[in-house]
Amino acid sequence: MTDHDFTIDIEPHGKGRPRAASIKGHARVYTPAKTKKWEAAFRLLAEKHRPAELITGPVVVTIRAAFPRPQKMSKRSKRTGELLGGFDEGEVWMAARPDADNVAKSVLDAMAPWWKDDAQVVDLRVTKVYHEVDARPYVRVTVEHARGERR
């Protein structure tokens, strides 16, 4: 049984590395502006899917991040790909940056208002793909209460 399952039409984004700066002799660590902006946009779009009450207890989260197809995989390269026997119009695995764990960090941090702490996530799966031809980038999130014990 799925407790929450939603899709946001937004280009996925990986969490940027923390930056450090010295201000008036004190070290300050901050999240890059691009990451903060993406997390705020995702949080706003996901708000309508947020449960009325804070999620408690252990949860299982599944994230599917569909990134824009590179030019070499675009419709214009369809004929070339067909001649080479390697063109696929459906979703294709994305084995490139950003790393899957950084995508998860961005999504989970954006969903901070959903639960007390993202440490409640006891099982996490992240899938990165290039979206289908003529489709748009998206992030799909499924949140389920963990049931039973895992061994």
Protein backbone atom coordinates (compact mmCIF):
# COMPACT_ATOMS: atom_id res chain seq x y z
CA MET A 1 0.00 0.00 0.00
CA THR A 2 1.36 3.39 -0.99
CA ASP A 3 0.82 6.17 1.50
CA HIS A 4 1.91 9.06 -0.76
CA ASP A 5 2.76 8.95 -4.44
CA PHE A 6 3.15 12.09 -6.52
CA THR A 7 4.98 13.47 -9.54
CA ILE A 8 6.35 16.99 -9.86
CA ASP A 9 7.13 18.35 -13.34
CA ILE A 10 10.51 19.83 -12.51
CA GLU A 11 14.02 19.12 -13.74
CA PRO A 12 15.78 17.03 -11.06
CA HIS A 13 18.70 18.60 -9.25
CA GLY A 14 21.51 17.17 -7.13
CA LYS A 15 22.40 18.71 -3.79
CA GLY A 16 25.34 21.07 -4.22
CA ARG A 17 28.35 20.68 -1.96
CA PRO A 18 28.32 22.97 1.07
CA ARG A 19 30.35 26.13 0.55
CA ALA A 20 32.45 27.87 3.16
CA ALA A 21 33.25 31.55 3.55
CA SER A 22 35.00 33.67 6.13
CA ILE A 23 32.88 36.57 7.35
CA LYS A 24 34.39 38.96 9.91
CA GLY A 25 36.90 36.30 10.89
CA HIS A 26 34.30 33.55 11.42
CA ALA A 27 33.87 30.55 9.16
CA ARG A 28 30.38 30.19 7.72
CA VAL A 29 29.12 27.15 5.83
CA TYR A 30 26.16 27.56 3.50
CA THR A 31 24.15 25.73 0.85
CA PRO A 32 24.71 27.00 -2.71
CA ALA A 33 22.01 29.38 -3.98
CA LYS A 34 21.06 27.15 -6.93
CA THR A 35 20.36 24.24 -4.56
CA LYS A 36 18.32 26.44 -2.18
CA LYS A 37 16.28 27.77 -5.11
CA TRP A 38 15.55 24.26 -6.45
CA GLU A 39 14.59 22.92 -3.01
CA ALA A 40 12.24 25.87 -2.45
CA ALA A 41 10.59 25.33 -5.85
CA PHE A 42 10.17 21.58 -5.25
CA ARG A 43 8.81 22.18 -1.73
CA LEU A 44 6.24 24.64 -3.08
CA LEU A 45 5.09 22.28 -5.86
CA ALA A 46 4.95 19.28 -3.49
CA GLU A 47 2.97 21.18 -0.86
CA LYS A 48 -0.39 20.16 -2.31
CA HIS A 49 0.59 16.50 -1.87
CA ARG A 50 1.79 16.90 1.71
CA PRO A 51 -0.19 15.01 4.36
CA ALA A 52 -2.18 16.99 6.90
CA GLU A 53 -0.23 15.46 9.79
CA LEU A 54 3.51 15.02 10.24
CA ILE A 55 4.67 11.59 9.12
CA THR A 56 5.96 9.59 12.07
CA GLY A 57 7.85 6.33 12.28
CA PRO A 58 10.10 4.64 9.74
CA VAL A 59 9.38 5.24 6.04
CA VAL A 60 10.40 3.79 2.70
CA VAL A 61 11.06 6.41 0.00
CA THR A 62 11.38 5.78 -3.72
CA ILE A 63 12.54 8.59 -6.02
CA ARG A 64 12.50 8.45 -9.82
CA ALA A 65 14.31 11.38 -11.39
CA ALA A 66 13.82 11.88 -15.14
CA PHE A 67 16.39 14.26 -16.57
CA PRO A 68 16.35 16.05 -19.94
CA ARG A 69 17.73 13.99 -22.80
CA PRO A 70 21.10 15.17 -24.12
CA GLN A 71 21.20 16.50 -27.69
CA LYS A 72 22.83 13.30 -28.89
CA MET A 73 19.66 11.44 -27.82
CA SER A 74 17.22 13.98 -29.26
CA LYS A 75 14.68 13.33 -32.01
CA ARG A 76 17.11 14.85 -34.51
CA SER A 77 19.51 11.99 -33.84
CA LYS A 78 16.74 9.38 -34.27
CA ARG A 79 17.78 8.36 -37.78
CA THR A 80 21.43 8.11 -36.79
CA GLY A 81 20.53 6.05 -33.72
CA GLU A 82 18.33 3.71 -35.71
CA LEU A 83 21.13 3.17 -38.24
CA LEU A 84 23.50 2.33 -35.39
CA GLY A 85 20.87 0.12 -33.75
CA GLY A 86 21.00 1.97 -30.45
CA PHE A 87 18.19 4.52 -30.35
CA ASP A 88 15.56 4.15 -27.65
CA GLU A 89 12.53 6.46 -27.51
CA GLY A 90 11.63 5.37 -23.96
CA GLU A 91 13.33 6.23 -20.72
CA VAL A 92 17.03 5.39 -20.68
CA TRP A 93 19.32 4.86 -17.68
CA MET A 94 21.33 7.95 -16.77
CA ALA A 95 24.83 7.02 -15.62
CA ALA A 96 26.08 10.61 -15.34
CA ARG A 97 26.15 13.44 -12.82
CA PRO A 98 24.53 14.35 -10.54
CA ASP A 99 25.05 11.33 -8.31
CA ALA A 100 21.90 9.52 -7.17
CA ASP A 101 22.65 10.24 -3.49
CA ASN A 102 22.82 13.97 -4.18
CA VAL A 103 19.44 13.84 -5.98
CA ALA A 104 18.01 12.08 -2.92
CA LYS A 105 19.48 14.70 -0.57
CA SER A 106 17.85 17.52 -2.52
CA VAL A 107 14.45 15.82 -2.58
CA LEU A 108 14.53 14.75 1.08
CA ASP A 109 15.70 18.18 2.26
CA ALA A 110 12.93 19.83 0.23
CA MET A 111 10.44 17.50 1.92
CA ALA A 112 11.63 18.41 5.45
CA PRO A 113 8.17 19.71 6.46
CA TRP A 114 6.72 16.22 5.81
CA TRP A 115 8.42 14.50 8.75
CA LYS A 116 10.24 15.13 12.00
CA ASP A 117 13.61 14.09 10.57
CA ASP A 118 14.72 12.50 7.32
CA ALA A 119 16.52 9.94 9.51
CA GLN A 120 13.08 8.25 9.50
CA VAL A 121 13.90 7.06 5.98
CA VAL A 122 14.98 3.46 6.57
CA ASP A 123 14.85 2.30 2.96
CA LEU A 124 15.68 4.56 0.00
CA ARG A 125 15.73 3.86 -3.71
CA VAL A 126 16.77 6.42 -6.29
CA THR A 127 16.47 5.84 -10.02
CA LYS A 128 17.96 8.24 -12.58
CA VAL A 129 16.80 8.16 -16.18
CA TYR A 130 16.66 10.36 -19.24
CA HIS A 131 12.99 11.05 -19.98
CA GLU A 132 11.19 9.62 -22.98
CA VAL A 133 11.32 11.36 -26.35
CA ASP A 134 8.79 14.24 -26.42
CA ALA A 135 8.37 14.04 -22.61
CA ARG A 136 9.38 16.46 -19.89
CA PRO A 137 11.69 16.13 -16.90
CA TYR A 138 10.05 15.11 -13.62
CA VAL A 139 10.61 13.83 -10.11
CA ARG A 140 8.31 11.09 -8.83
CA VAL A 141 8.28 10.37 -5.11
CA THR A 142 6.65 7.51 -3.26
CA VAL A 143 6.56 7.51 0.55
CA GLU A 144 5.32 4.45 2.41
CA HIS A 145 5.27 3.61 6.09
CA ALA A 146 7.78 0.81 6.68
CA ARG A 147 5.98 -2.39 7.61
CA GLY A 148 7.44 -5.32 9.46
CA GLU A 149 11.14 -5.84 10.04
CA ARG A 150 13.87 -5.97 7.45
CA ARG A 151 16.64 -8.52 7.88
